[in-house]
């Protein structure tokens, strides 16, 4: 398969690896995703709720890249995540921004002076930019 088709092929391989429990059809519409986020039994709900109410870390994709989530089934940009917060939980974008500010103040943001903390990440970790890469203290 060509480079353009790589993300689709990766998703197909993942679904095929699920074996008999793989769903025959999976509704990936925006409305079903919002409905899933409103379901208190959804395994994805707690993470998205926490991003809306505490730290706002979102995996976004730049348009016109090979990222598989730039437009299909829906965009993966900051506005789309803030829209999820609003539609699923009634949380406005400015409330998300304020929650991030409050979390950074409480945990000291990039200036965390904690001891006995081990940050596990590296250049290959897609979340490395959102983590501590260097110790802030000598302990």
Protein backbone atom coordinates (compact mmCIF):
# COMPACT_ATOMS: atom_id res chain seq x y z
CA UNK A 1 0.00 0.00 0.00
CA UNK A 2 1.13 3.56 -0.59
CA UNK A 3 2.06 6.13 2.05
CA UNK A 4 -1.30 7.92 1.71
CA UNK A 5 -3.14 4.68 2.55
CA UNK A 6 -0.90 3.75 5.53
CA UNK A 7 -3.18 5.13 8.30
CA UNK A 8 -6.24 3.36 6.88
CA UNK A 9 -4.30 0.11 6.52
CA UNK A 10 -3.07 0.40 10.13
CA UNK A 11 -6.63 0.78 11.40
CA UNK A 12 -7.77 -2.19 9.32
CA UNK A 13 -4.95 -4.31 10.74
CA UNK A 14 -5.95 -3.28 14.27
CA UNK A 15 -9.60 -4.23 13.72
CA UNK A 16 -8.62 -7.55 12.15
CA UNK A 17 -6.42 -8.33 15.16
CA UNK A 18 -9.50 -8.17 17.43
CA UNK A 19 -10.71 -11.44 15.98
CA UNK A 20 -14.31 -12.59 16.45
CA UNK A 21 -15.16 -9.83 18.94
CA UNK A 22 -14.43 -7.16 16.32
CA UNK A 23 -17.59 -5.23 15.45
CA UNK A 24 -18.88 -5.75 11.93
CA UNK A 25 -19.85 -2.10 11.71
CA UNK A 26 -18.77 0.73 13.95
CA UNK A 27 -20.63 4.03 13.96
CA UNK A 28 -17.97 6.74 13.91
CA UNK A 29 -20.33 9.66 13.51
CA UNK A 30 -19.86 12.79 15.60
CA UNK A 31 -23.22 12.31 17.32
CA UNK A 32 -22.38 8.74 18.39
CA UNK A 33 -19.00 9.88 19.72
CA UNK A 34 -20.69 12.61 21.79
CA UNK A 35 -23.26 10.07 23.00
CA UNK A 36 -20.40 7.79 24.06
CA UNK A 37 -18.77 10.61 26.03
CA UNK A 38 -22.06 11.18 27.87
CA UNK A 39 -22.31 7.50 28.84
CA UNK A 40 -20.98 7.09 32.40
CA UNK A 41 -19.84 3.55 31.53
CA UNK A 42 -17.70 4.62 28.56
CA UNK A 43 -14.04 3.73 29.00
CA UNK A 44 -13.02 6.90 27.14
CA UNK A 45 -15.19 9.27 29.17
CA UNK A 46 -12.87 9.80 32.15
CA UNK A 47 -9.87 10.80 30.03
CA UNK A 48 -11.82 13.29 27.94
CA UNK A 49 -13.57 14.65 31.06
CA UNK A 50 -10.16 15.18 32.69
CA UNK A 51 -8.83 17.02 29.63
CA UNK A 52 -11.86 19.32 29.79
CA UNK A 53 -11.70 19.96 33.54
CA UNK A 54 -8.02 19.83 34.44
CA UNK A 55 -5.20 19.80 31.93
CA UNK A 56 -6.39 20.18 28.32
CA UNK A 57 -3.84 17.84 26.68
CA UNK A 58 -5.16 17.03 23.21
CA UNK A 59 -3.60 15.03 20.41
CA UNK A 60 -4.12 17.27 17.42
CA UNK A 61 -3.21 16.89 13.78
CA UNK A 62 -2.04 19.51 11.35
CA UNK A 63 -4.01 19.80 8.10
CA UNK A 64 -2.40 18.40 4.93
CA UNK A 65 -0.26 15.88 6.83
CA UNK A 66 -0.32 12.10 6.90
CA UNK A 67 -1.93 12.18 10.34
CA UNK A 68 -4.97 9.89 10.03
CA UNK A 69 -7.30 12.22 11.92
CA UNK A 70 -7.05 15.52 10.05
CA UNK A 71 -10.55 15.41 8.59
CA UNK A 72 -12.04 11.92 8.59
CA UNK A 73 -14.19 10.98 10.37
CA UNK A 74 -13.89 14.42 11.97
CA UNK A 75 -11.13 16.94 12.57
CA UNK A 76 -8.65 16.54 15.39
CA UNK A 77 -7.86 20.14 16.25
CA UNK A 78 -8.26 22.25 19.38
CA UNK A 79 -11.67 23.56 18.32
CA UNK A 80 -13.03 20.04 17.82
CA UNK A 81 -11.87 18.98 21.29
CA UNK A 82 -13.38 22.09 22.87
CA UNK A 83 -16.59 21.30 21.01
CA UNK A 84 -16.59 17.83 22.59
CA UNK A 85 -16.25 19.45 26.04
CA UNK A 86 -19.20 21.70 25.30
CA UNK A 87 -21.50 19.12 23.70
CA UNK A 88 -20.71 16.16 25.97
CA UNK A 89 -20.32 17.92 29.31
CA UNK A 90 -21.58 21.49 28.91
CA UNK A 91 -18.09 22.90 29.52
CA UNK A 92 -17.21 26.03 27.54
CA UNK A 93 -13.77 26.60 26.00
CA UNK A 94 -12.97 29.46 28.39
CA UNK A 95 -13.71 27.09 31.31
CA UNK A 96 -11.23 24.58 29.87
CA UNK A 97 -8.62 27.36 29.61
CA UNK A 98 -9.28 28.42 33.20
CA UNK A 99 -9.03 24.81 34.42
CA UNK A 100 -5.63 24.47 32.74
CA UNK A 101 -4.44 27.68 34.41
CA UNK A 102 -5.66 26.46 37.80
CA UNK A 103 -3.99 23.04 37.35
CA UNK A 104 -0.71 24.67 36.37
CA UNK A 105 -0.89 26.94 39.40
CA UNK A 106 -1.71 24.05 41.74
CA UNK A 107 0.99 21.70 40.37
CA UNK A 108 3.48 24.52 39.52
CA UNK A 109 3.33 23.84 35.77
CA UNK A 110 6.79 23.48 34.24
CA UNK A 111 8.36 24.64 37.52
CA UNK A 112 7.29 21.63 39.57
CA UNK A 113 9.78 21.19 42.39
CA UNK A 114 8.77 17.67 43.42
CA UNK A 115 11.23 15.07 44.66
CA UNK A 116 11.31 11.35 43.93
CA UNK A 117 9.57 11.79 40.58
CA UNK A 118 10.73 9.80 37.57
CA UNK A 119 9.59 11.08 34.17
CA UNK A 120 9.47 8.27 31.64
CA UNK A 121 9.51 9.55 28.09
CA UNK A 122 11.75 10.14 25.14
CA UNK A 123 11.92 11.60 21.68
CA UNK A 124 9.80 8.77 20.26
CA UNK A 125 7.01 9.35 22.78
CA UNK A 126 4.34 11.52 21.10
CA UNK A 127 3.55 13.06 24.51
CA UNK A 128 7.15 14.00 25.35
CA UNK A 129 6.52 17.71 24.70
CA UNK A 130 3.86 17.70 27.44
CA UNK A 131 6.12 16.12 30.02
CA UNK A 132 9.14 17.04 32.10
CA UNK A 133 12.23 16.35 30.06
CA UNK A 134 14.74 17.67 32.57
CA UNK A 135 14.76 17.69 36.38
CA UNK A 136 13.87 21.02 38.05
CA UNK A 137 15.77 20.30 41.25
CA UNK A 138 18.88 18.53 42.42
CA UNK A 139 17.09 15.82 44.42
